[in-house]
PDB file of all heavy atoms in Angstrom:
ATOM      1  N   ALA A   1      34.288  -6.765   9.335  1.00  0.00           N
ATOM      2  CA  ALA A   1      35.319  -6.403   8.357  1.00  0.00           C
ATOM      3  C   ALA A   1      34.887  -5.392   7.262  1.00  0.00           C
ATOM      4  O   ALA A   1      35.581  -5.028   6.427  1.00  0.00           O
ATOM      5  CB  ALA A   1      35.875  -7.689   7.615  1.00  0.00           C
ATOM      6  N   GLN A   2      33.555  -4.955   7.412  1.00  0.00           N
ATOM      7  CA  GLN A   2      33.080  -4.044   6.428  1.00  0.00           C
ATOM      8  C   GLN A   2      33.249  -2.577   6.819  1.00  0.00           C
ATOM      9  O   GLN A   2      33.732  -2.292   7.900  1.00  0.00           O
ATOM     10  CB  GLN A   2      31.545  -4.306   6.240  1.00  0.00           C
ATOM     11  CG  GLN A   2      31.182  -5.767   5.895  1.00  0.00           C
ATOM     12  CD  GLN A   2      31.959  -6.249   4.636  1.00  0.00           C
ATOM     13  OE1 GLN A   2      31.902  -5.653   3.587  1.00  0.00           O
ATOM     14  NE2 GLN A   2      32.684  -7.323   4.816  1.00  0.00           N
ATOM     15  N   HIS A   3      32.891  -1.700   5.881  1.00  0.00           N
ATOM     16  CA  HIS A   3      33.122  -0.221   6.175  1.00  0.00           C
ATOM     17  C   HIS A   3      31.800   0.468   5.778  1.00  0.00           C
ATOM     18  O   HIS A   3      30.945  -0.108   5.105  1.00  0.00           O
ATOM     19  CB  HIS A   3      34.269   0.287   5.331  1.00  0.00           C
ATOM     20  CG  HIS A   3      35.564  -0.423   5.567  1.00  0.00           C
ATOM     21  ND1 HIS A   3      36.328  -0.161   6.661  1.00  0.00           N
ATOM     22  CD2 HIS A   3      36.228  -1.401   4.791  1.00  0.00           C
ATOM     23  CE1 HIS A   3      37.417  -0.959   6.633  1.00  0.00           C
ATOM     24  NE2 HIS A   3      37.400  -1.687   5.531  1.00  0.00           N
ATOM     25  N   GLY A   4      31.691   1.748   6.164  1.00  0.00           N
ATOM     26  CA  GLY A   4      30.492   2.465   5.795  1.00  0.00           C
ATOM     27  C   GLY A   4      29.734   3.063   7.046  1.00  0.00           C
ATOM     28  O   GLY A   4      30.092   2.786   8.227  1.00  0.00           O
ATOM     29  N   GLU A   5      28.760   3.794   6.755  1.00  0.00           N
ATOM     30  CA  GLU A   5      27.966   4.418   7.771  1.00  0.00           C
ATOM     31  C   GLU A   5      27.054   3.382   8.472  1.00  0.00           C
ATOM     32  O   GLU A   5      26.898   2.305   7.957  1.00  0.00           O
ATOM     33  CB  GLU A   5      27.039   5.535   7.199  1.00  0.00           C
ATOM     34  CG  GLU A   5      27.862   6.686   6.669  1.00  0.00           C
ATOM     35  CD  GLU A   5      28.740   7.429   7.624  1.00  0.00           C
ATOM     36  OE1 GLU A   5      28.263   7.539   8.792  1.00  0.00           O
ATOM     37  OE2 GLU A   5      29.870   7.787   7.281  1.00  0.00           O
ATOM     38  N   THR A   6      26.512   3.759   9.633  1.00  0.00           N
ATOM     39  CA  THR A   6      25.718   2.743  10.398  1.00  0.00           C
ATOM     40  C   THR A   6      24.561   2.269   9.628  1.00  0.00           C
ATOM     41  O   THR A   6      24.316   1.006   9.660  1.00  0.00           O
ATOM     42  CB  THR A   6      25.255   3.385  11.754  1.00  0.00           C
ATOM     43  OG1 THR A   6      26.397   3.770  12.539  1.00  0.00           O
ATOM     44  CG2 THR A   6      24.377   2.425  12.542  1.00  0.00           C
ATOM     45  N   ALA A   7      23.709   3.165   9.029  1.00  0.00           N
ATOM     46  CA  ALA A   7      22.633   2.705   8.219  1.00  0.00           C
ATOM     47  C   ALA A   7      22.980   1.756   7.142  1.00  0.00           C
ATOM     48  O   ALA A   7      22.344   0.769   6.853  1.00  0.00           O
ATOM     49  CB  ALA A   7      21.847   3.927   7.756  1.00  0.00           C
ATOM     50  N   GLU A   8      24.092   2.075   6.498  1.00  0.00           N
ATOM     51  CA  GLU A   8      24.592   1.256   5.350  1.00  0.00           C
ATOM     52  C   GLU A   8      25.010  -0.118   5.863  1.00  0.00           C
ATOM     53  O   GLU A   8      24.716  -1.164   5.285  1.00  0.00           O
ATOM     54  CB  GLU A   8      25.714   1.954   4.639  1.00  0.00           C
ATOM     55  CG  GLU A   8      26.295   1.246   3.512  1.00  0.00           C
ATOM     56  CD  GLU A   8      27.510   1.906   2.889  1.00  0.00           C
ATOM     57  OE1 GLU A   8      27.757   3.104   3.350  1.00  0.00           O
ATOM     58  OE2 GLU A   8      28.153   1.342   1.976  1.00  0.00           O
ATOM     59  N   ARG A   9      25.697  -0.145   7.022  1.00  0.00           N
ATOM     60  CA  ARG A   9      26.141  -1.418   7.573  1.00  0.00           C
ATOM     61  C   ARG A   9      24.962  -2.263   8.092  1.00  0.00           C
ATOM     62  O   ARG A   9      24.994  -3.491   7.933  1.00  0.00           O
ATOM     63  CB  ARG A   9      27.121  -1.130   8.719  1.00  0.00           C
ATOM     64  CG  ARG A   9      28.385  -0.542   8.256  1.00  0.00           C
ATOM     65  CD  ARG A   9      29.318  -0.054   9.436  1.00  0.00           C
ATOM     66  NE  ARG A   9      29.768  -1.161  10.172  1.00  0.00           N
ATOM     67  CZ  ARG A   9      30.934  -1.848   9.902  1.00  0.00           C
ATOM     68  NH1 ARG A   9      31.590  -1.461   8.908  1.00  0.00           N
ATOM     69  NH2 ARG A   9      31.343  -2.834  10.727  1.00  0.00           N
ATOM     70  N   SER A  10      24.045  -1.577   8.640  1.00  0.00           N
ATOM     71  CA  SER A  10      22.750  -2.402   9.064  1.00  0.00           C
ATOM     72  C   SER A  10      22.082  -3.052   7.935  1.00  0.00           C
ATOM     73  O   SER A  10      21.704  -4.188   8.010  1.00  0.00           O
ATOM     74  CB  SER A  10      21.823  -1.435   9.802  1.00  0.00           C
ATOM     75  OG  SER A  10      22.367  -1.023  11.008  1.00  0.00           O
ATOM     76  N   HIS A  11      21.920  -2.232   6.818  1.00  0.00           N
ATOM     77  CA  HIS A  11      21.297  -2.763   5.625  1.00  0.00           C
ATOM     78  C   HIS A  11      22.118  -3.956   5.094  1.00  0.00           C
ATOM     79  O   HIS A  11      21.532  -5.052   4.650  1.00  0.00           O
ATOM     80  CB  HIS A  11      21.169  -1.686   4.642  1.00  0.00           C
ATOM     81  CG  HIS A  11      20.495  -2.117   3.351  1.00  0.00           C
ATOM     82  ND1 HIS A  11      19.202  -2.357   3.217  1.00  0.00           N
ATOM     83  CD2 HIS A  11      21.045  -2.361   2.053  1.00  0.00           C
ATOM     84  CE1 HIS A  11      18.903  -2.757   1.991  1.00  0.00           C
ATOM     85  NE2 HIS A  11      19.984  -2.800   1.263  1.00  0.00           N
ATOM     86  N   ALA A  12      23.422  -3.822   5.058  1.00  0.00           N
ATOM     87  CA  ALA A  12      24.212  -4.816   4.545  1.00  0.00           C
ATOM     88  C   ALA A  12      24.178  -6.107   5.446  1.00  0.00           C
ATOM     89  O   ALA A  12      24.173  -7.249   4.879  1.00  0.00           O
ATOM     90  CB  ALA A  12      25.696  -4.400   4.427  1.00  0.00           C
ATOM     91  N   PHE A  13      24.134  -5.937   6.691  1.00  0.00           N
ATOM     92  CA  PHE A  13      23.965  -7.110   7.590  1.00  0.00           C
ATOM     93  C   PHE A  13      22.728  -7.830   7.379  1.00  0.00           C
ATOM     94  O   PHE A  13      22.712  -9.044   7.325  1.00  0.00           O
ATOM     95  CB  PHE A  13      24.052  -6.644   9.061  1.00  0.00           C
ATOM     96  CG  PHE A  13      23.900  -7.783  10.053  1.00  0.00           C
ATOM     97  CD1 PHE A  13      24.939  -8.544  10.341  1.00  0.00           C
ATOM     98  CD2 PHE A  13      22.672  -7.983  10.717  1.00  0.00           C
ATOM     99  CE1 PHE A  13      24.761  -9.666  11.203  1.00  0.00           C
ATOM    100  CE2 PHE A  13      22.504  -8.989  11.599  1.00  0.00           C
ATOM    101  CZ  PHE A  13      23.519  -9.872  11.809  1.00  0.00           C
ATOM    102  N   ALA A  14      21.597  -7.104   7.179  1.00  0.00           N
ATOM    103  CA  ALA A  14      20.260  -7.757   6.938  1.00  0.00           C
ATOM    104  C   ALA A  14      20.408  -8.506   5.639  1.00  0.00           C
ATOM    105  O   ALA A  14      19.881  -9.700   5.524  1.00  0.00           O
ATOM    106  CB  ALA A  14      19.271  -6.683   6.805  1.00  0.00           C
ATOM    107  N   GLY A  15      21.121  -8.022   4.583  1.00  0.00           N
ATOM    108  CA  GLY A  15      21.259  -8.706   3.308  1.00  0.00           C
ATOM    109  C   GLY A  15      22.130  -9.939   3.509  1.00  0.00           C
ATOM    110  O   GLY A  15      21.831 -10.988   2.880  1.00  0.00           O
ATOM    111  N   SER A  16      23.143  -9.899   4.321  1.00  0.00           N
ATOM    112  CA  SER A  16      23.987 -11.118   4.526  1.00  0.00           C
ATOM    113  C   SER A  16      23.184 -12.187   5.261  1.00  0.00           C
ATOM    114  O   SER A  16      23.394 -13.430   4.962  1.00  0.00           O
ATOM    115  CB  SER A  16      25.169 -10.726   5.365  1.00  0.00           C
ATOM    116  OG  SER A  16      24.925 -10.520   6.755  1.00  0.00           O
ATOM    117  N   VAL A  17      22.284 -11.841   6.158  1.00  0.00           N
ATOM    118  CA  VAL A  17      21.415 -12.851   6.777  1.00  0.00           C
ATOM    119  C   VAL A  17      20.443 -13.403   5.824  1.00  0.00           C
ATOM    120  O   VAL A  17      20.114 -14.669   5.860  1.00  0.00           O
ATOM    121  CB  VAL A  17      20.648 -12.272   8.049  1.00  0.00           C
ATOM    122  CG1 VAL A  17      19.693 -13.267   8.627  1.00  0.00           C
ATOM    123  CG2 VAL A  17      21.660 -11.860   9.103  1.00  0.00           C
ATOM    124  N   PHE A  18      19.883 -12.630   5.003  1.00  0.00           N
ATOM    125  CA  PHE A  18      18.911 -13.094   3.939  1.00  0.00           C
ATOM    126  C   PHE A  18      19.745 -14.122   3.069  1.00  0.00           C
ATOM    127  O   PHE A  18      19.179 -15.164   2.673  1.00  0.00           O
ATOM    128  CB  PHE A  18      18.458 -11.969   3.021  1.00  0.00           C
ATOM    129  CG  PHE A  18      17.701 -12.426   1.868  1.00  0.00           C
ATOM    130  CD1 PHE A  18      16.379 -12.837   2.014  1.00  0.00           C
ATOM    131  CD2 PHE A  18      18.254 -12.445   0.586  1.00  0.00           C
ATOM    132  CE1 PHE A  18      15.660 -13.247   0.877  1.00  0.00           C
ATOM    133  CE2 PHE A  18      17.547 -12.885  -0.493  1.00  0.00           C
ATOM    134  CZ  PHE A  18      16.229 -13.310  -0.395  1.00  0.00           C
ATOM    135  N   GLU A  19      20.926 -13.851   2.692  1.00  0.00           N
ATOM    136  CA  GLU A  19      21.758 -14.752   1.934  1.00  0.00           C
ATOM    137  C   GLU A  19      22.083 -15.999   2.689  1.00  0.00           C
ATOM    138  O   GLU A  19      21.929 -17.151   2.086  1.00  0.00           O
ATOM    139  CB  GLU A  19      23.095 -14.035   1.523  1.00  0.00           C
ATOM    140  CG  GLU A  19      23.794 -14.651   0.326  1.00  0.00           C
ATOM    141  CD  GLU A  19      24.941 -13.775  -0.124  1.00  0.00           C
ATOM    142  OE1 GLU A  19      25.765 -13.367   0.710  1.00  0.00           O
ATOM    143  OE2 GLU A  19      24.980 -13.426  -1.307  1.00  0.00           O
ATOM    144  N   LEU A  20      22.329 -15.891   3.948  1.00  0.00           N
ATOM    145  CA  LEU A  20      22.536 -17.090   4.834  1.00  0.00           C
ATOM    146  C   LEU A  20      21.306 -18.007   4.813  1.00  0.00           C
ATOM    147  O   LEU A  20      21.403 -19.250   4.609  1.00  0.00           O
ATOM    148  CB  LEU A  20      22.835 -16.664   6.217  1.00  0.00           C
ATOM    149  CG  LEU A  20      22.944 -17.773   7.285  1.00  0.00           C
ATOM    150  CD1 LEU A  20      24.237 -18.586   7.076  1.00  0.00           C
ATOM    151  CD2 LEU A  20      22.968 -17.175   8.691  1.00  0.00           C
ATOM    152  N   ARG A  21      20.073 -17.364   4.920  1.00  0.00           N
ATOM    153  CA  ARG A  21      18.866 -18.137   4.893  1.00  0.00           C
ATOM    154  C   ARG A  21      18.614 -18.845   3.524  1.00  0.00           C
ATOM    155  O   ARG A  21      18.269 -19.995   3.440  1.00  0.00           O
ATOM    156  CB  ARG A  21      17.739 -17.244   5.204  1.00  0.00           C
ATOM    157  CG  ARG A  21      17.629 -16.777   6.632  1.00  0.00           C
ATOM    158  CD  ARG A  21      16.544 -15.768   6.840  1.00  0.00           C
ATOM    159  NE  ARG A  21      16.365 -15.362   8.293  1.00  0.00           N
ATOM    160  CZ  ARG A  21      15.514 -14.511   8.728  1.00  0.00           C
ATOM    161  NH1 ARG A  21      14.651 -13.918   7.848  1.00  0.00           N
ATOM    162  NH2 ARG A  21      15.473 -14.218   9.973  1.00  0.00           N
ATOM    163  N   GLN A  22      18.946 -18.102   2.467  1.00  0.00           N
ATOM    164  CA  GLN A  22      18.776 -18.617   1.131  1.00  0.00           C
ATOM    165  C   GLN A  22      19.712 -19.839   0.901  1.00  0.00           C
ATOM    166  O   GLN A  22      19.282 -20.800   0.305  1.00  0.00           O
ATOM    167  CB  GLN A  22      19.029 -17.467   0.114  1.00  0.00           C
ATOM    168  CG  GLN A  22      18.627 -17.770  -1.252  1.00  0.00           C
ATOM    169  CD  GLN A  22      18.888 -16.530  -2.188  1.00  0.00           C
ATOM    170  OE1 GLN A  22      19.807 -15.772  -1.956  1.00  0.00           O
ATOM    171  NE2 GLN A  22      18.022 -16.324  -3.142  1.00  0.00           N
ATOM    172  N   TYR A  23      20.918 -19.706   1.291  1.00  0.00           N
ATOM    173  CA  TYR A  23      21.897 -20.788   1.061  1.00  0.00           C
ATOM    174  C   TYR A  23      21.501 -21.942   1.927  1.00  0.00           C
ATOM    175  O   TYR A  23      21.611 -23.149   1.466  1.00  0.00           O
ATOM    176  CB  TYR A  23      23.330 -20.327   1.436  1.00  0.00           C
ATOM    177  CG  TYR A  23      24.040 -19.662   0.249  1.00  0.00           C
ATOM    178  CD1 TYR A  23      23.497 -18.461  -0.308  1.00  0.00           C
ATOM    179  CD2 TYR A  23      25.179 -20.095  -0.181  1.00  0.00           C
ATOM    180  CE1 TYR A  23      24.166 -17.904  -1.383  1.00  0.00           C
ATOM    181  CE2 TYR A  23      25.931 -19.533  -1.256  1.00  0.00           C
ATOM    182  CZ  TYR A  23      25.375 -18.410  -1.835  1.00  0.00           C
ATOM    183  OH  TYR A  23      26.077 -17.787  -2.881  1.00  0.00           O
ATOM    184  N   ALA A  24      21.099 -21.733   3.145  1.00  0.00           N
ATOM    185  CA  ALA A  24      20.782 -22.881   4.060  1.00  0.00           C
ATOM    186  C   ALA A  24      19.604 -23.603   3.445  1.00  0.00           C
ATOM    187  O   ALA A  24      19.526 -24.896   3.492  1.00  0.00           O
ATOM    188  CB  ALA A  24      20.485 -22.344   5.385  1.00  0.00           C
ATOM    189  N   ALA A  25      18.516 -22.940   2.974  1.00  0.00           N
ATOM    190  CA  ALA A  25      17.345 -23.575   2.458  1.00  0.00           C
ATOM    191  C   ALA A  25      17.702 -24.394   1.228  1.00  0.00           C
ATOM    192  O   ALA A  25      17.190 -25.568   1.113  1.00  0.00           O
ATOM    193  CB  ALA A  25      16.250 -22.540   2.135  1.00  0.00           C
ATOM    194  N   LEU A  26      18.487 -23.834   0.318  1.00  0.00           N
ATOM    195  CA  LEU A  26      18.764 -24.490  -0.922  1.00  0.00           C
ATOM    196  C   LEU A  26      19.678 -25.666  -0.693  1.00  0.00           C
ATOM    197  O   LEU A  26      19.536 -26.771  -1.298  1.00  0.00           O
ATOM    198  CB  LEU A  26      19.368 -23.552  -1.922  1.00  0.00           C
ATOM    199  CG  LEU A  26      18.313 -22.603  -2.549  1.00  0.00           C
ATOM    200  CD1 LEU A  26      19.069 -21.530  -3.338  1.00  0.00           C
ATOM    201  CD2 LEU A  26      17.466 -23.385  -3.501  1.00  0.00           C
ATOM    202  N   LEU A  27      20.687 -25.511   0.148  1.00  0.00           N
ATOM    203  CA  LEU A  27      21.541 -26.625   0.515  1.00  0.00           C
ATOM    204  C   LEU A  27      20.790 -27.819   1.162  1.00  0.00           C
ATOM    205  O   LEU A  27      20.975 -28.974   0.843  1.00  0.00           O
ATOM    206  CB  LEU A  27      22.663 -26.190   1.389  1.00  0.00           C
ATOM    207  CG  LEU A  27      23.774 -25.391   0.725  1.00  0.00           C
ATOM    208  CD1 LEU A  27      24.646 -24.741   1.835  1.00  0.00           C
ATOM    209  CD2 LEU A  27      24.638 -26.286  -0.204  1.00  0.00           C
ATOM    210  N   GLN A  28      19.850 -27.479   2.080  1.00  0.00           N
ATOM    211  CA  GLN A  28      19.015 -28.524   2.648  1.00  0.00           C
ATOM    212  C   GLN A  28      18.182 -29.236   1.547  1.00  0.00           C
ATOM    213  O   GLN A  28      18.045 -30.449   1.593  1.00  0.00           O
ATOM    214  CB  GLN A  28      17.966 -27.917   3.675  1.00  0.00           C
ATOM    215  CG  GLN A  28      17.202 -28.950   4.393  1.00  0.00           C
ATOM    216  CD  GLN A  28      16.204 -28.279   5.390  1.00  0.00           C
ATOM    217  OE1 GLN A  28      15.771 -27.254   5.186  1.00  0.00           O
ATOM    218  NE2 GLN A  28      16.047 -29.037   6.438  1.00  0.00           N
ATOM    219  N   ALA A  29      17.619 -28.432   0.594  1.00  0.00           N
ATOM    220  CA  ALA A  29      16.888 -29.097  -0.464  1.00  0.00           C
ATOM    221  C   ALA A  29      17.798 -30.016  -1.318  1.00  0.00           C
ATOM    222  O   ALA A  29      17.269 -31.072  -1.817  1.00  0.00           O
ATOM    223  CB  ALA A  29      16.281 -27.991  -1.330  1.00  0.00           C
ATOM    224  N   HIS A  30      19.058 -29.738  -1.444  1.00  0.00           N
ATOM    225  CA  HIS A  30      19.945 -30.566  -2.192  1.00  0.00           C
ATOM    226  C   HIS A  30      20.621 -31.643  -1.282  1.00  0.00           C
ATOM    227  O   HIS A  30      21.563 -32.227  -1.695  1.00  0.00           O
ATOM    228  CB  HIS A  30      21.072 -29.750  -2.849  1.00  0.00           C
ATOM    229  CG  HIS A  30      20.566 -28.945  -4.107  1.00  0.00           C
ATOM    230  ND1 HIS A  30      20.644 -29.568  -5.353  1.00  0.00           N
ATOM    231  CD2 HIS A  30      20.212 -27.681  -4.268  1.00  0.00           C
ATOM    232  CE1 HIS A  30      20.201 -28.725  -6.220  1.00  0.00           C
ATOM    233  NE2 HIS A  30      19.933 -27.610  -5.639  1.00  0.00           N
ATOM    234  N   GLY A  31      20.055 -31.838  -0.105  1.00  0.00           N
ATOM    235  CA  GLY A  31      20.531 -32.879   0.762  1.00  0.00           C
ATOM    236  C   GLY A  31      21.799 -32.601   1.454  1.00  0.00           C
ATOM    237  O   GLY A  31      22.501 -33.484   1.916  1.00  0.00           O
ATOM    238  N   MET A  32      22.134 -31.295   1.706  1.00  0.00           N
ATOM    239  CA  MET A  32      23.423 -30.895   2.328  1.00  0.00           C
ATOM    240  C   MET A  32      23.079 -30.008   3.520  1.00  0.00           C
ATOM    241  O   MET A  32      22.020 -29.428   3.614  1.00  0.00           O
ATOM    242  CB  MET A  32      24.341 -30.271   1.354  1.00  0.00           C
ATOM    243  CG  MET A  32      24.675 -31.050   0.161  1.00  0.00           C
ATOM    244  SD  MET A  32      25.897 -30.297  -0.937  1.00  0.00           S
ATOM    245  CE  MET A  32      27.301 -30.206   0.191  1.00  0.00           C
ATOM    246  N   THR A  33      24.060 -29.874   4.391  1.00  0.00           N
ATOM    247  CA  THR A  33      23.919 -29.016   5.611  1.00  0.00           C
ATOM    248  C   THR A  33      24.853 -27.812   5.495  1.00  0.00           C
ATOM    249  O   THR A  33      25.884 -27.865   4.886  1.00  0.00           O
ATOM    250  CB  THR A  33      24.180 -29.765   6.900  1.00  0.00           C
ATOM    251  OG1 THR A  33      25.541 -30.252   6.836  1.00  0.00           O
ATOM    252  CG2 THR A  33      23.231 -30.963   7.091  1.00  0.00           C
ATOM    253  N   LEU A  34      24.387 -26.716   6.060  1.00  0.00           N
ATOM    254  CA  LEU A  34      25.230 -25.474   6.204  1.00  0.00           C
ATOM    255  C   LEU A  34      25.537 -25.234   7.586  1.00  0.00           C
ATOM    256  O   LEU A  34      24.716 -25.279   8.475  1.00  0.00           O
ATOM    257  CB  LEU A  34      24.403 -24.313   5.624  1.00  0.00           C
ATOM    258  CG  LEU A  34      25.135 -22.977   5.754  1.00  0.00           C
ATOM    259  CD1 LEU A  34      26.366 -22.920   4.798  1.00  0.00           C
ATOM    260  CD2 LEU A  34      24.180 -21.835   5.303  1.00  0.00           C
ATOM    261  N   GLN A  35      26.827 -24.965   7.897  1.00  0.00           N
ATOM    262  CA  GLN A  35      27.316 -24.630   9.202  1.00  0.00           C
ATOM    263  C   GLN A  35      28.066 -23.346   9.204  1.00  0.00           C
ATOM    264  O   GLN A  35      28.593 -22.947   8.133  1.00  0.00           O
ATOM    265  CB  GLN A  35      28.175 -25.794   9.821  1.00  0.00           C
ATOM    266  CG  GLN A  35      27.399 -27.102   9.956  1.00  0.00           C
ATOM    267  CD  GLN A  35      28.379 -28.098  10.465  1.00  0.00           C
ATOM    268  OE1 GLN A  35      28.607 -29.175   9.804  1.00  0.00           O
ATOM    269  NE2 GLN A  35      28.744 -27.992  11.731  1.00  0.00           N
ATOM    270  N   LEU A  36      28.122 -22.688  10.326  1.00  0.00           N
ATOM    271  CA  LEU A  36      28.949 -21.506  10.471  1.00  0.00           C
ATOM    272  C   LEU A  36      30.445 -21.887  10.643  1.00  0.00           C
ATOM    273  O   LEU A  36      30.722 -22.851  11.358  1.00  0.00           O
ATOM    274  CB  LEU A  36      28.429 -20.593  11.640  1.00  0.00           C
ATOM    275  CG  LEU A  36      27.044 -20.014  11.529  1.00  0.00           C
ATOM    276  CD1 LEU A  36      26.751 -19.170  12.673  1.00  0.00           C
ATOM    277  CD2 LEU A  36      26.926 -19.151  10.186  1.00  0.00           C
ATOM    278  N   GLU A  37      31.298 -21.104  10.094  1.00  0.00           N
ATOM    279  CA  GLU A  37      32.730 -21.294  10.365  1.00  0.00           C
ATOM    280  C   GLU A  37      33.019 -20.946  11.905  1.00  0.00           C
ATOM    281  O   GLU A  37      32.380 -19.997  12.411  1.00  0.00           O
ATOM    282  CB  GLU A  37      33.627 -20.448   9.481  1.00  0.00           C
ATOM    283  CG  GLU A  37      33.695 -20.867   8.070  1.00  0.00           C
ATOM    284  CD  GLU A  37      34.635 -21.995   7.853  1.00  0.00           C
ATOM    285  OE1 GLU A  37      35.110 -22.595   8.821  1.00  0.00           O
ATOM    286  OE2 GLU A  37      34.983 -22.257   6.657  1.00  0.00           O
ATOM    287  N   GLY A  38      34.003 -21.658  12.412  1.00  0.00           N
ATOM    288  CA  GLY A  38      34.384 -21.425  13.771  1.00  0.00           C
ATOM    289  C   GLY A  38      34.266 -22.658  14.682  1.00  0.00           C
ATOM    290  O   GLY A  38      33.604 -23.567  14.326  1.00  0.00           O
ATOM    291  N   ASP A  39      34.921 -22.554  15.860  1.00  0.00           N
ATOM    292  CA  ASP A  39      34.889 -23.655  16.798  1.00  0.00           C
ATOM    293  C   ASP A  39      33.696 -23.764  17.655  1.00  0.00           C
ATOM    294  O   ASP A  39      33.126 -24.788  17.885  1.00  0.00           O
ATOM    295  CB  ASP A  39      36.122 -23.675  17.604  1.00  0.00           C
ATOM    296  CG  ASP A  39      37.459 -23.748  16.757  1.00  0.00           C
ATOM    297  OD1 ASP A  39      37.375 -24.498  15.746  1.00  0.00           O
ATOM    298  OD2 ASP A  39      38.425 -23.127  17.182  1.00  0.00           O
ATOM    299  N   ALA A  40      33.183 -22.535  18.097  1.00  0.00           N
ATOM    300  CA  ALA A  40      32.186 -22.501  19.110  1.00  0.00           C
ATOM    301  C   ALA A  40      30.798 -22.216  18.435  1.00  0.00           C
ATOM    302  O   ALA A  40      30.129 -21.283  18.720  1.00  0.00           O
ATOM    303  CB  ALA A  40      32.422 -21.463  20.225  1.00  0.00           C
ATOM    304  N   VAL A  41      30.492 -23.097  17.423  1.00  0.00           N
ATOM    305  CA  VAL A  41      29.169 -22.852  16.762  1.00  0.00           C
ATOM    306  C   VAL A  41      28.289 -24.087  16.979  1.00  0.00           C
ATOM    307  O   VAL A  41      28.722 -25.198  17.214  1.00  0.00           O
ATOM    308  CB  VAL A  41      29.325 -22.698  15.259  1.00  0.00           C
ATOM    309  CG1 VAL A  41      30.228 -21.415  14.982  1.00  0.00           C
ATOM    310  CG2 VAL A  41      30.107 -23.899  14.633  1.00  0.00           C
ATOM    311  N   THR A  42      27.011 -23.896  17.023  1.00  0.00           N
ATOM    312  CA  THR A  42      25.966 -24.898  17.162  1.00  0.00           C
ATOM    313  C   THR A  42      24.870 -24.704  16.153  1.00  0.00           C
ATOM    314  O   THR A  42      24.771 -23.622  15.567  1.00  0.00           O
ATOM    315  CB  THR A  42      25.375 -24.901  18.589  1.00  0.00           C
ATOM    316  OG1 THR A  42      24.912 -23.535  18.829  1.00  0.00           O
ATOM    317  CG2 THR A  42      26.362 -25.209  19.623  1.00  0.00           C
ATOM    318  N   GLU A  43      24.124 -25.764  15.887  1.00  0.00           N
ATOM    319  CA  GLU A  43      23.008 -25.688  14.995  1.00  0.00           C
ATOM    320  C   GLU A  43      21.824 -26.465  15.520  1.00  0.00           C
ATOM    321  O   GLU A  43      21.999 -27.449  16.296  1.00  0.00           O
ATOM    322  CB  GLU A  43      23.438 -26.175  13.628  1.00  0.00           C
ATOM    323  CG  GLU A  43      23.848 -27.697  13.665  1.00  0.00           C
ATOM    324  CD  GLU A  43      24.216 -28.186  12.248  1.00  0.00           C
ATOM    325  OE1 GLU A  43      23.388 -28.017  11.363  1.00  0.00           O
ATOM    326  OE2 GLU A  43      25.347 -28.724  12.123  1.00  0.00           O
ATOM    327  N   GLY A  44      20.639 -26.048  15.104  1.00  0.00           N
ATOM    328  CA  GLY A  44      19.455 -26.725  15.484  1.00  0.00           C
ATOM    329  C   GLY A  44      18.507 -26.826  14.251  1.00  0.00           C
ATOM    330  O   GLY A  44      18.942 -26.494  13.102  1.00  0.00           O
ATOM    331  N   SER A  45      17.350 -27.179  14.450  1.00  0.00           N
ATOM    332  CA  SER A  45      16.430 -27.341  13.307  1.00  0.00           C
ATOM    333  C   SER A  45      15.982 -25.923  12.890  1.00  0.00           C
ATOM    334  O   SER A  45      15.149 -25.304  13.542  1.00  0.00           O
ATOM    335  CB  SER A  45      15.154 -28.157  13.746  1.00  0.00           C
ATOM    336  OG  SER A  45      14.222 -28.274  12.663  1.00  0.00           O
ATOM    337  N   GLY A  46      16.622 -25.374  11.844  1.00  0.00           N
ATOM    338  CA  GLY A  46      16.223 -24.126  11.339  1.00  0.00           C
ATOM    339  C   GLY A  46      16.978 -22.885  11.971  1.00  0.00           C
ATOM    340  O   GLY A  46      16.469 -21.768  11.743  1.00  0.00           O
TER     341      GLY A  46
END
């Protein structure tokens, strides 16, 4: 759903994954789990 040139979009995607990792780690520390939105999603240890 984003816009911009390829290099800009690649950089933004990397930032979004960094944010995903950051949220997952902190939520786990607070005793909570993070899942992806959607029906066909799975999760494992890490």
